[in-house]
């Protein structure tokens, strides 16, 4: 799929193109210039770092880079992945991570101490997601995907909305063990191990 600004869909098959998705986020405070948004991810990073041992953090679908930057601030080695070119450029310009990868991470070999996929899986169908999760190698996996539908789902490309416990079952089928709910950065966040 194209990430070109003129594309008719975004990189996750939504009605808005990637540029419009990115601009909506910036206009609505999903940015590294919003102190409240930055503090949410700093608090998330600290909570997770206090919960589990890890040094390498991998942020899948890292968006504007708030979680990556917060983990980098804690001295973690941070690897950032995103397939929206506007996210990728924004995060790299602001030095949110140590390394940056552009493209569809579900087709890549991903390994790490702690992998996070925050508000990304609702954009990926099970046909693509299940093989990826089965292949991924990690000690811990921090996961959040909205269980709620809303009027912007078609615009954003929300094609895979499940309850928290449906996600737990899916992860178990891919070889993960559910550890606990962590409730950061969303109250439906989950922690797994593999």
N, C-alpha and C. Protein backbone atom coordinates (compact mmCIF):
# COMPACT_ATOMS: atom_id res chain seq x y z
N UNK A 1 0.83 -1.19 0.00
CA UNK A 1 0.00 0.00 0.00
C UNK A 1 0.87 1.25 0.00
N UNK A 2 0.42 2.25 -0.60
CA UNK A 2 1.18 3.48 -0.68
C UNK A 2 0.98 4.31 0.57
N UNK A 3 2.03 5.01 0.98
CA UNK A 3 1.93 5.97 2.07
C UNK A 3 1.95 7.38 1.52
N UNK A 4 1.81 7.53 0.22
CA UNK A 4 1.82 8.81 -0.45
C UNK A 4 0.66 9.67 0.04
N UNK A 5 0.90 10.98 0.17
CA UNK A 5 -0.15 11.89 0.64
C UNK A 5 -1.36 11.88 -0.28
N UNK A 6 -1.17 11.56 -1.54
CA UNK A 6 -2.29 11.57 -2.47
C UNK A 6 -3.06 10.26 -2.46
N UNK A 7 -2.57 9.25 -1.72
CA UNK A 7 -3.26 7.96 -1.68
C UNK A 7 -4.66 8.14 -1.12
N UNK A 8 -5.59 7.31 -1.59
CA UNK A 8 -6.97 7.46 -1.15
C UNK A 8 -7.23 6.75 0.16
N UNK A 9 -6.32 5.90 0.61
CA UNK A 9 -6.49 5.21 1.89
C UNK A 9 -5.20 5.34 2.68
N UNK A 10 -5.32 5.14 4.01
CA UNK A 10 -4.10 5.19 4.81
C UNK A 10 -3.42 3.83 4.80
N UNK A 11 -2.29 3.75 5.47
CA UNK A 11 -1.49 2.53 5.41
C UNK A 11 -2.17 1.35 6.10
N UNK A 12 -3.30 1.58 6.76
CA UNK A 12 -4.07 0.50 7.37
C UNK A 12 -5.47 0.42 6.78
N UNK A 13 -5.63 0.81 5.53
CA UNK A 13 -6.87 0.66 4.77
C UNK A 13 -8.02 1.56 5.21
N UNK A 14 -7.75 2.61 5.92
CA UNK A 14 -8.81 3.54 6.30
C UNK A 14 -9.14 4.49 5.17
N UNK A 15 -10.21 5.23 5.32
CA UNK A 15 -10.65 6.18 4.29
C UNK A 15 -9.75 7.40 4.20
N UNK A 16 -9.16 7.82 5.31
CA UNK A 16 -8.27 8.97 5.30
C UNK A 16 -6.88 8.54 4.85
N UNK A 17 -6.18 9.41 4.10
CA UNK A 17 -4.81 9.08 3.76
C UNK A 17 -3.89 9.33 4.96
N UNK A 18 -2.66 8.88 4.86
CA UNK A 18 -1.73 8.97 5.99
C UNK A 18 -1.50 10.41 6.45
N UNK A 19 -1.43 11.33 5.51
CA UNK A 19 -1.21 12.74 5.86
C UNK A 19 -2.38 13.26 6.69
N UNK A 20 -3.60 12.93 6.31
CA UNK A 20 -4.77 13.40 7.05
C UNK A 20 -4.83 12.77 8.44
N UNK A 21 -4.52 11.49 8.55
CA UNK A 21 -4.47 10.82 9.86
C UNK A 21 -3.45 11.51 10.77
N UNK A 22 -2.27 11.73 10.23
CA UNK A 22 -1.21 12.36 11.00
C UNK A 22 -1.62 13.77 11.43
N UNK A 23 -2.17 14.55 10.52
CA UNK A 23 -2.56 15.92 10.86
C UNK A 23 -3.66 15.95 11.91
N UNK A 24 -4.61 15.00 11.83
CA UNK A 24 -5.66 14.92 12.84
C UNK A 24 -5.04 14.68 14.22
N UNK A 25 -4.07 13.78 14.29
CA UNK A 25 -3.40 13.50 15.56
C UNK A 25 -2.74 14.77 16.11
N UNK A 26 -1.98 15.45 15.28
CA UNK A 26 -1.28 16.66 15.73
C UNK A 26 -2.30 17.71 16.19
N UNK A 27 -3.35 17.91 15.41
CA UNK A 27 -4.38 18.90 15.76
C UNK A 27 -5.11 18.54 17.05
N UNK A 28 -5.13 17.26 17.41
CA UNK A 28 -5.85 16.81 18.60
C UNK A 28 -4.93 16.43 19.76
N UNK A 29 -3.72 16.94 19.74
CA UNK A 29 -2.82 16.80 20.89
C UNK A 29 -2.04 15.51 20.97
N UNK A 30 -2.11 14.68 19.94
CA UNK A 30 -1.30 13.46 19.92
C UNK A 30 0.03 13.84 19.30
N UNK A 31 0.88 14.42 20.15
CA UNK A 31 2.16 14.95 19.66
C UNK A 31 3.16 15.07 20.80
N UNK A 32 4.42 15.19 20.44
CA UNK A 32 5.47 15.39 21.43
C UNK A 32 5.53 16.83 21.91
N UNK A 33 4.69 17.68 21.34
CA UNK A 33 4.60 19.06 21.80
C UNK A 33 3.50 19.24 22.85
N UNK A 34 2.73 18.20 23.11
CA UNK A 34 1.66 18.24 24.10
C UNK A 34 2.19 17.67 25.42
N UNK A 35 2.42 18.51 26.44
CA UNK A 35 2.99 18.03 27.69
C UNK A 35 2.15 16.92 28.35
N UNK A 36 0.85 17.00 28.26
CA UNK A 36 0.00 15.97 28.85
C UNK A 36 0.18 14.62 28.19
N UNK A 37 0.27 14.61 26.86
CA UNK A 37 0.46 13.37 26.12
C UNK A 37 1.84 12.78 26.43
N UNK A 38 2.84 13.62 26.48
CA UNK A 38 4.20 13.19 26.80
C UNK A 38 4.24 12.59 28.21
N UNK A 39 3.59 13.25 29.16
CA UNK A 39 3.58 12.75 30.55
C UNK A 39 2.87 11.41 30.66
N UNK A 40 1.80 11.20 29.88
CA UNK A 40 1.11 9.90 29.88
C UNK A 40 2.10 8.79 29.53
N UNK A 41 2.91 9.00 28.51
CA UNK A 41 3.85 7.96 28.10
C UNK A 41 5.08 7.88 29.00
N UNK A 42 5.46 8.98 29.63
CA UNK A 42 6.52 8.90 30.63
C UNK A 42 6.05 8.07 31.82
N UNK A 43 4.81 8.27 32.25
CA UNK A 43 4.24 7.49 33.35
C UNK A 43 4.10 6.02 32.95
N UNK A 44 3.70 5.78 31.70
CA UNK A 44 3.59 4.41 31.20
C UNK A 44 4.94 3.73 31.21
N UNK A 45 5.95 4.40 30.69
CA UNK A 45 7.30 3.81 30.64
C UNK A 45 7.81 3.49 32.04
N UNK A 46 7.61 4.39 32.97
CA UNK A 46 8.07 4.15 34.34
C UNK A 46 7.32 2.98 34.97
N UNK A 47 6.01 2.92 34.77
CA UNK A 47 5.22 1.81 35.32
C UNK A 47 5.72 0.47 34.79
N UNK A 48 5.94 0.40 33.48
CA UNK A 48 6.39 -0.86 32.87
C UNK A 48 7.82 -1.20 33.30
N UNK A 49 8.69 -0.19 33.37
CA UNK A 49 10.08 -0.43 33.79
C UNK A 49 10.14 -0.90 35.24
N UNK A 50 9.22 -0.45 36.07
CA UNK A 50 9.18 -0.90 37.46
C UNK A 50 8.58 -2.30 37.58
N UNK A 51 7.84 -2.72 36.57
CA UNK A 51 7.13 -4.00 36.61
C UNK A 51 7.97 -5.19 36.14
N UNK A 52 8.76 -4.96 35.06
CA UNK A 52 9.50 -6.07 34.44
C UNK A 52 10.94 -5.66 34.13
N UNK A 53 11.85 -6.64 34.06
CA UNK A 53 13.23 -6.33 33.69
C UNK A 53 13.41 -6.38 32.17
N UNK A 54 14.02 -5.35 31.60
CA UNK A 54 14.32 -5.33 30.17
C UNK A 54 15.30 -4.20 29.89
N UNK A 55 16.03 -4.32 28.79
CA UNK A 55 16.92 -3.26 28.35
C UNK A 55 16.55 -2.79 26.94
N UNK A 56 16.11 -3.74 26.10
CA UNK A 56 15.78 -3.42 24.71
C UNK A 56 14.26 -3.27 24.57
N UNK A 57 13.82 -2.13 24.06
CA UNK A 57 12.41 -1.83 23.88
C UNK A 57 12.12 -1.68 22.39
N UNK A 58 11.12 -2.40 21.91
CA UNK A 58 10.73 -2.33 20.49
C UNK A 58 9.30 -1.82 20.42
N UNK A 59 9.11 -0.71 19.72
CA UNK A 59 7.82 -0.03 19.62
C UNK A 59 7.24 -0.26 18.23
N UNK A 60 6.26 -1.16 18.13
CA UNK A 60 5.65 -1.49 16.85
C UNK A 60 4.46 -0.59 16.58
N UNK A 61 4.49 0.11 15.45
CA UNK A 61 3.45 1.09 15.16
C UNK A 61 3.57 2.27 16.11
N UNK A 62 4.80 2.75 16.26
CA UNK A 62 5.14 3.74 17.29
C UNK A 62 4.53 5.11 17.15
N UNK A 63 3.84 5.39 16.05
CA UNK A 63 3.16 6.68 15.90
C UNK A 63 4.10 7.85 16.01
N UNK A 64 3.72 8.85 16.79
CA UNK A 64 4.53 10.06 16.92
C UNK A 64 5.77 9.84 17.78
N UNK A 65 5.88 8.65 18.41
CA UNK A 65 7.10 8.31 19.12
C UNK A 65 7.11 8.61 20.61
N UNK A 66 5.94 8.87 21.21
CA UNK A 66 5.90 9.24 22.63
C UNK A 66 6.39 8.11 23.54
N UNK A 67 5.96 6.88 23.28
CA UNK A 67 6.38 5.76 24.12
C UNK A 67 7.87 5.48 23.91
N UNK A 68 8.30 5.52 22.66
CA UNK A 68 9.72 5.33 22.36
C UNK A 68 10.58 6.36 23.08
N UNK A 69 10.20 7.61 22.96
CA UNK A 69 10.99 8.68 23.57
C UNK A 69 11.03 8.55 25.09
N UNK A 70 9.91 8.16 25.69
CA UNK A 70 9.86 7.98 27.14
C UNK A 70 10.78 6.84 27.57
N UNK A 71 10.79 5.75 26.81
CA UNK A 71 11.68 4.63 27.13
C UNK A 71 13.15 5.02 26.92
N UNK A 72 13.40 5.79 25.90
CA UNK A 72 14.78 6.26 25.67
C UNK A 72 15.24 7.14 26.83
N UNK A 73 14.30 7.94 27.36
CA UNK A 73 14.60 8.78 28.51
C UNK A 73 14.95 7.98 29.76
N UNK A 74 14.51 6.74 29.81
CA UNK A 74 14.86 5.85 30.93
C UNK A 74 16.15 5.08 30.67
N UNK A 75 16.80 5.37 29.55
CA UNK A 75 18.06 4.72 29.23
C UNK A 75 17.92 3.38 28.53
N UNK A 76 16.73 3.08 28.01
CA UNK A 76 16.53 1.82 27.29
C UNK A 76 17.01 1.96 25.84
N UNK A 77 17.39 0.84 25.26
CA UNK A 77 17.73 0.80 23.83
C UNK A 77 16.41 0.69 23.08
N UNK A 78 16.12 1.66 22.21
CA UNK A 78 14.78 1.77 21.61
C UNK A 78 14.81 1.59 20.10
N UNK A 79 13.96 0.66 19.62
CA UNK A 79 13.78 0.41 18.19
C UNK A 79 12.33 0.75 17.84
N UNK A 80 12.17 1.62 16.87
CA UNK A 80 10.87 2.18 16.48
C UNK A 80 10.50 1.68 15.09
N UNK A 81 9.24 1.23 14.94
CA UNK A 81 8.70 0.78 13.65
C UNK A 81 7.40 1.50 13.38
N UNK A 82 7.23 1.97 12.14
CA UNK A 82 5.93 2.51 11.73
C UNK A 82 5.86 2.49 10.21
N UNK A 83 4.64 2.37 9.69
CA UNK A 83 4.48 2.35 8.24
C UNK A 83 3.81 3.60 7.69
N UNK A 84 3.52 4.57 8.56
CA UNK A 84 3.05 5.88 8.11
C UNK A 84 4.29 6.77 8.02
N UNK A 85 4.62 7.22 6.82
CA UNK A 85 5.85 7.99 6.60
C UNK A 85 5.86 9.28 7.43
N UNK A 86 4.69 9.85 7.68
CA UNK A 86 4.62 11.09 8.46
C UNK A 86 4.97 10.83 9.92
N UNK A 87 4.50 9.73 10.47
CA UNK A 87 4.90 9.33 11.82
C UNK A 87 6.41 9.11 11.86
N UNK A 88 6.89 8.35 10.90
CA UNK A 88 8.30 7.99 10.85
C UNK A 88 9.19 9.24 10.83
N UNK A 89 8.87 10.18 9.97
CA UNK A 89 9.66 11.41 9.87
C UNK A 89 9.57 12.24 11.14
N UNK A 90 8.37 12.37 11.68
CA UNK A 90 8.15 13.16 12.90
C UNK A 90 8.96 12.58 14.05
N UNK A 91 8.85 11.28 14.28
CA UNK A 91 9.56 10.63 15.39
C UNK A 91 11.07 10.71 15.21
N UNK A 92 11.56 10.49 13.99
CA UNK A 92 13.00 10.51 13.77
C UNK A 92 13.56 11.93 13.89
N UNK A 93 12.82 12.93 13.44
CA UNK A 93 13.27 14.32 13.58
C UNK A 93 13.40 14.72 15.05
N UNK A 94 12.59 14.11 15.92
CA UNK A 94 12.59 14.44 17.34
C UNK A 94 13.41 13.45 18.16
N UNK A 95 14.16 12.60 17.47
CA UNK A 95 15.07 11.65 18.12
C UNK A 95 14.37 10.82 19.19
N UNK A 96 13.24 10.23 18.80
CA UNK A 96 12.44 9.43 19.73
C UNK A 96 13.06 8.07 20.01
N UNK A 97 13.93 7.58 19.14
CA UNK A 97 14.46 6.21 19.28
C UNK A 97 15.93 6.16 18.89
N UNK A 98 16.51 5.00 19.08
CA UNK A 98 17.90 4.77 18.65
C UNK A 98 17.95 4.33 17.20
N UNK A 99 17.01 3.47 16.80
CA UNK A 99 16.94 3.01 15.41
C UNK A 99 15.49 3.10 14.93
N UNK A 100 15.33 3.29 13.62
CA UNK A 100 14.01 3.47 13.02
C UNK A 100 13.85 2.52 11.85
N UNK A 101 12.68 1.91 11.77
CA UNK A 101 12.38 1.00 10.67
C UNK A 101 11.06 1.44 10.05
N UNK A 102 11.05 1.58 8.74
CA UNK A 102 9.87 2.01 8.02
C UNK A 102 9.32 0.83 7.23
N UNK A 103 8.03 0.57 7.37
CA UNK A 103 7.41 -0.48 6.60
C UNK A 103 6.49 -1.34 7.45
N UNK A 104 6.03 -2.42 6.86
CA UNK A 104 5.08 -3.32 7.49
C UNK A 104 5.83 -4.30 8.40
N UNK A 105 5.81 -4.03 9.69
CA UNK A 105 6.56 -4.86 10.63
C UNK A 105 6.04 -6.29 10.70
N UNK A 106 4.79 -6.53 10.29
CA UNK A 106 4.25 -7.90 10.35
C UNK A 106 4.96 -8.83 9.37
N UNK A 107 5.71 -8.27 8.43
CA UNK A 107 6.46 -9.07 7.47
C UNK A 107 7.94 -9.18 7.85
N UNK A 108 8.31 -8.56 8.97
CA UNK A 108 9.71 -8.54 9.42
C UNK A 108 9.92 -9.54 10.56
N UNK A 109 11.17 -9.90 10.78
CA UNK A 109 11.52 -10.72 11.94
C UNK A 109 11.74 -9.76 13.11
N UNK A 110 10.92 -9.91 14.14
CA UNK A 110 10.98 -9.01 15.29
C UNK A 110 11.35 -9.83 16.53
N UNK A 111 12.39 -9.37 17.22
CA UNK A 111 12.80 -9.98 18.48
C UNK A 111 13.08 -8.87 19.48
N UNK A 112 13.03 -9.19 20.76
CA UNK A 112 13.37 -8.17 21.75
C UNK A 112 13.04 -8.57 23.16
N UNK A 113 13.54 -7.78 24.10
CA UNK A 113 13.22 -7.98 25.51
C UNK A 113 11.75 -7.64 25.76
N UNK A 114 11.41 -6.40 25.44
CA UNK A 114 10.03 -5.92 25.59
C UNK A 114 9.58 -5.36 24.25
N UNK A 115 8.49 -5.90 23.75
CA UNK A 115 7.87 -5.39 22.54
C UNK A 115 6.54 -4.76 22.93
N UNK A 116 6.25 -3.60 22.37
CA UNK A 116 4.98 -2.93 22.62
C UNK A 116 4.24 -2.74 21.31
N UNK A 117 2.95 -2.95 21.36
CA UNK A 117 2.08 -2.68 20.21
C UNK A 117 0.84 -2.00 20.80
N UNK A 118 0.90 -0.68 20.84
CA UNK A 118 -0.12 0.12 21.50
C UNK A 118 -1.03 0.77 20.47
N UNK A 119 -2.31 0.39 20.52
CA UNK A 119 -3.34 0.92 19.63
C UNK A 119 -2.95 0.76 18.16
N UNK A 120 -2.58 -0.45 17.81
CA UNK A 120 -2.17 -0.78 16.45
C UNK A 120 -2.95 -1.97 15.90
N UNK A 121 -3.19 -2.97 16.71
CA UNK A 121 -3.77 -4.23 16.23
C UNK A 121 -5.18 -4.09 15.68
N UNK A 122 -5.88 -3.08 16.08
CA UNK A 122 -7.22 -2.88 15.53
C UNK A 122 -7.17 -2.56 14.03
N UNK A 123 -5.97 -2.27 13.53
CA UNK A 123 -5.77 -1.96 12.11
C UNK A 123 -5.32 -3.17 11.29
N UNK A 124 -5.10 -4.30 11.93
CA UNK A 124 -4.51 -5.46 11.25
C UNK A 124 -5.47 -6.65 11.37
N UNK A 125 -5.81 -7.26 10.24
CA UNK A 125 -6.72 -8.41 10.32
C UNK A 125 -6.00 -9.63 10.89
N UNK A 126 -6.79 -10.56 11.42
CA UNK A 126 -6.23 -11.75 12.05
C UNK A 126 -5.38 -12.58 11.09
N UNK A 127 -5.75 -12.58 9.82
CA UNK A 127 -5.00 -13.36 8.82
C UNK A 127 -3.54 -12.92 8.75
N UNK A 128 -3.29 -11.66 8.96
CA UNK A 128 -1.92 -11.13 8.95
C UNK A 128 -1.33 -11.12 10.36
N UNK A 129 -2.16 -10.85 11.36
CA UNK A 129 -1.68 -10.68 12.73
C UNK A 129 -1.26 -12.00 13.38
N UNK A 130 -2.05 -13.04 13.22
CA UNK A 130 -1.76 -14.31 13.90
C UNK A 130 -0.42 -14.91 13.48
N UNK A 131 -0.10 -14.99 12.18
CA UNK A 131 1.24 -15.50 11.82
C UNK A 131 2.37 -14.65 12.38
N UNK A 132 2.16 -13.33 12.40
CA UNK A 132 3.18 -12.45 12.95
C UNK A 132 3.39 -12.72 14.44
N UNK A 133 2.31 -12.75 15.21
CA UNK A 133 2.44 -12.97 16.65
C UNK A 133 3.03 -14.35 16.96
N UNK A 134 2.73 -15.32 16.13
CA UNK A 134 3.29 -16.66 16.33
C UNK A 134 4.80 -16.66 16.13
N UNK A 135 5.29 -15.85 15.18
CA UNK A 135 6.73 -15.78 14.87
C UNK A 135 7.53 -14.91 15.82
N UNK A 136 6.92 -13.86 16.36
CA UNK A 136 7.66 -12.87 17.14
C UNK A 136 8.33 -13.54 18.34
N UNK A 137 9.54 -13.07 18.65
CA UNK A 137 10.30 -13.61 19.77
C UNK A 137 10.57 -12.49 20.77
N UNK A 138 10.12 -12.69 22.01
CA UNK A 138 10.30 -11.66 23.03
C UNK A 138 10.17 -12.27 24.42
N UNK A 139 10.63 -11.52 25.40
CA UNK A 139 10.41 -11.90 26.79
C UNK A 139 9.05 -11.39 27.27
N UNK A 140 8.74 -10.14 26.90
CA UNK A 140 7.48 -9.51 27.32
C UNK A 140 6.85 -8.79 26.14
N UNK A 141 5.53 -8.67 26.18
CA UNK A 141 4.78 -7.99 25.12
C UNK A 141 3.73 -7.12 25.78
N UNK A 142 3.85 -5.81 25.62
CA UNK A 142 2.88 -4.85 26.16
C UNK A 142 1.91 -4.51 25.04
N UNK A 143 0.63 -4.72 25.30
CA UNK A 143 -0.38 -4.67 24.24
C UNK A 143 -1.58 -3.84 24.66
N UNK A 144 -2.07 -3.03 23.71
CA UNK A 144 -3.32 -2.31 23.90
C UNK A 144 -3.98 -2.14 22.54
N UNK A 145 -5.27 -2.45 22.48
CA UNK A 145 -6.04 -2.26 21.25
C UNK A 145 -7.48 -1.95 21.64
N UNK A 146 -7.99 -0.84 21.17
CA UNK A 146 -9.29 -0.39 21.62
C UNK A 146 -10.37 -1.47 21.48
N UNK A 147 -11.16 -1.69 22.54
CA UNK A 147 -12.29 -2.60 22.46
C UNK A 147 -13.58 -1.88 22.05
N UNK A 148 -13.47 -0.60 21.73
CA UNK A 148 -14.64 0.23 21.45
C UNK A 148 -14.76 0.59 19.98
N UNK A 149 -15.97 0.60 19.47
CA UNK A 149 -16.21 1.09 18.12
C UNK A 149 -16.61 2.56 18.22
N UNK A 150 -16.35 3.30 17.14
CA UNK A 150 -16.80 4.69 17.09
C UNK A 150 -16.99 5.11 15.64
N UNK A 151 -17.49 6.31 15.44
CA UNK A 151 -17.86 6.78 14.10
C UNK A 151 -16.65 6.99 13.19
N UNK A 152 -15.43 7.00 13.73
CA UNK A 152 -14.24 7.22 12.92
C UNK A 152 -13.55 5.91 12.52
N UNK A 153 -14.13 4.76 12.86
CA UNK A 153 -13.47 3.48 12.57
C UNK A 153 -13.12 3.32 11.09
N UNK A 154 -14.04 3.65 10.20
CA UNK A 154 -13.77 3.49 8.76
C UNK A 154 -12.68 4.46 8.30
N UNK A 155 -12.67 5.67 8.85
CA UNK A 155 -11.64 6.65 8.48
C UNK A 155 -10.26 6.18 8.92
N UNK A 156 -10.18 5.65 10.14
CA UNK A 156 -8.91 5.21 10.70
C UNK A 156 -8.50 3.83 10.25
N UNK A 157 -9.41 3.04 9.72
CA UNK A 157 -9.07 1.69 9.32
C UNK A 157 -9.12 0.71 10.47
N UNK A 158 -10.06 0.92 11.40
CA UNK A 158 -10.24 -0.02 12.51
C UNK A 158 -11.04 -1.21 12.00
N UNK A 159 -10.33 -2.29 11.72
CA UNK A 159 -10.95 -3.46 11.09
C UNK A 159 -10.94 -4.69 11.99
N UNK A 160 -10.34 -4.58 13.18
CA UNK A 160 -10.19 -5.75 14.04
C UNK A 160 -10.37 -5.34 15.51
N UNK A 161 -11.60 -5.11 15.89
CA UNK A 161 -11.88 -4.68 17.26
C UNK A 161 -12.36 -5.88 18.06
N UNK A 162 -11.66 -6.14 19.17
CA UNK A 162 -11.97 -7.26 20.04
C UNK A 162 -11.97 -6.78 21.49
N UNK A 163 -12.63 -7.52 22.35
CA UNK A 163 -12.56 -7.25 23.79
C UNK A 163 -11.18 -7.65 24.30
N UNK A 164 -10.85 -7.19 25.49
CA UNK A 164 -9.57 -7.56 26.10
C UNK A 164 -9.41 -9.07 26.17
N UNK A 165 -10.45 -9.78 26.56
CA UNK A 165 -10.35 -11.23 26.77
C UNK A 165 -10.32 -11.99 25.46
N UNK A 166 -10.90 -11.43 24.41
CA UNK A 166 -10.72 -12.03 23.08
C UNK A 166 -9.27 -11.90 22.64
N UNK A 167 -8.64 -10.76 22.95
CA UNK A 167 -7.21 -10.59 22.64
C UNK A 167 -6.37 -11.56 23.46
N UNK A 168 -6.71 -11.75 24.73
CA UNK A 168 -5.97 -12.71 25.56
C UNK A 168 -6.02 -14.09 24.92
N UNK A 169 -7.21 -14.51 24.49
CA UNK A 169 -7.34 -15.83 23.85
C UNK A 169 -6.53 -15.91 22.56
N UNK A 170 -6.54 -14.84 21.75
CA UNK A 170 -5.78 -14.85 20.51
C UNK A 170 -4.28 -14.96 20.81
N UNK A 171 -3.79 -14.18 21.76
CA UNK A 171 -2.38 -14.24 22.12
C UNK A 171 -2.00 -15.63 22.62
N UNK A 172 -2.85 -16.22 23.45
CA UNK A 172 -2.58 -17.59 23.93
C UNK A 172 -2.46 -18.56 22.76
N UNK A 173 -3.31 -18.40 21.76
CA UNK A 173 -3.25 -19.29 20.59
C UNK A 173 -1.96 -19.11 19.79
N UNK A 174 -1.27 -17.99 20.01
CA UNK A 174 -0.01 -17.70 19.32
C UNK A 174 1.21 -18.00 20.19
N UNK A 175 1.01 -18.65 21.32
CA UNK A 175 2.12 -19.06 22.16
C UNK A 175 2.48 -18.14 23.31
N UNK A 176 1.64 -17.16 23.59
CA UNK A 176 1.90 -16.22 24.68
C UNK A 176 1.20 -16.68 25.95
N UNK A 177 1.72 -16.19 27.08
CA UNK A 177 1.07 -16.39 28.37
C UNK A 177 0.63 -15.02 28.89
N UNK A 178 -0.62 -14.93 29.29
CA UNK A 178 -1.14 -13.68 29.86
C UNK A 178 -0.58 -13.49 31.26
N UNK A 179 0.01 -12.30 31.51
CA UNK A 179 0.55 -12.00 32.83
C UNK A 179 -0.44 -11.20 33.67
N UNK A 180 -0.87 -10.05 33.13
CA UNK A 180 -1.76 -9.18 33.90
C UNK A 180 -2.23 -8.00 33.07
N UNK A 181 -3.29 -7.36 33.56
CA UNK A 181 -3.68 -6.06 33.03
C UNK A 181 -2.74 -5.03 33.64
N UNK A 182 -2.37 -4.03 32.86
CA UNK A 182 -1.49 -3.01 33.40
C UNK A 182 -2.11 -1.62 33.39
N UNK A 183 -3.14 -1.39 32.62
CA UNK A 183 -3.94 -0.17 32.62
C UNK A 183 -3.17 1.11 32.28
N UNK A 184 -2.02 0.97 31.63
CA UNK A 184 -1.32 2.13 31.07
C UNK A 184 -0.82 1.76 29.68
N UNK A 185 -0.93 2.59 28.70
CA UNK A 185 -1.50 3.94 28.73
C UNK A 185 -3.03 3.97 28.64
N UNK A 186 -3.66 2.80 28.47
CA UNK A 186 -5.12 2.70 28.45
C UNK A 186 -5.55 1.71 29.52
N UNK A 187 -6.78 1.80 29.96
CA UNK A 187 -7.22 0.88 31.00
C UNK A 187 -7.44 -0.53 30.48
N UNK A 188 -7.37 -0.73 29.15
CA UNK A 188 -7.50 -2.08 28.58
C UNK A 188 -6.15 -2.67 28.16
N UNK A 189 -5.06 -2.10 28.64
CA UNK A 189 -3.72 -2.61 28.31
C UNK A 189 -3.43 -3.93 29.00
N UNK A 190 -2.67 -4.78 28.31
CA UNK A 190 -2.38 -6.13 28.77
C UNK A 190 -0.88 -6.41 28.67
N UNK A 191 -0.38 -7.26 29.56
CA UNK A 191 1.02 -7.68 29.50
C UNK A 191 1.07 -9.19 29.33
N UNK A 192 1.90 -9.61 28.36
CA UNK A 192 2.10 -11.04 28.07
C UNK A 192 3.59 -11.36 28.17
N UNK A 193 3.86 -12.65 28.24
CA UNK A 193 5.22 -13.16 28.11
C UNK A 193 5.20 -14.28 27.10
N UNK A 194 6.35 -14.61 26.53
CA UNK A 194 6.38 -15.69 25.53
C UNK A 194 7.61 -16.55 25.77
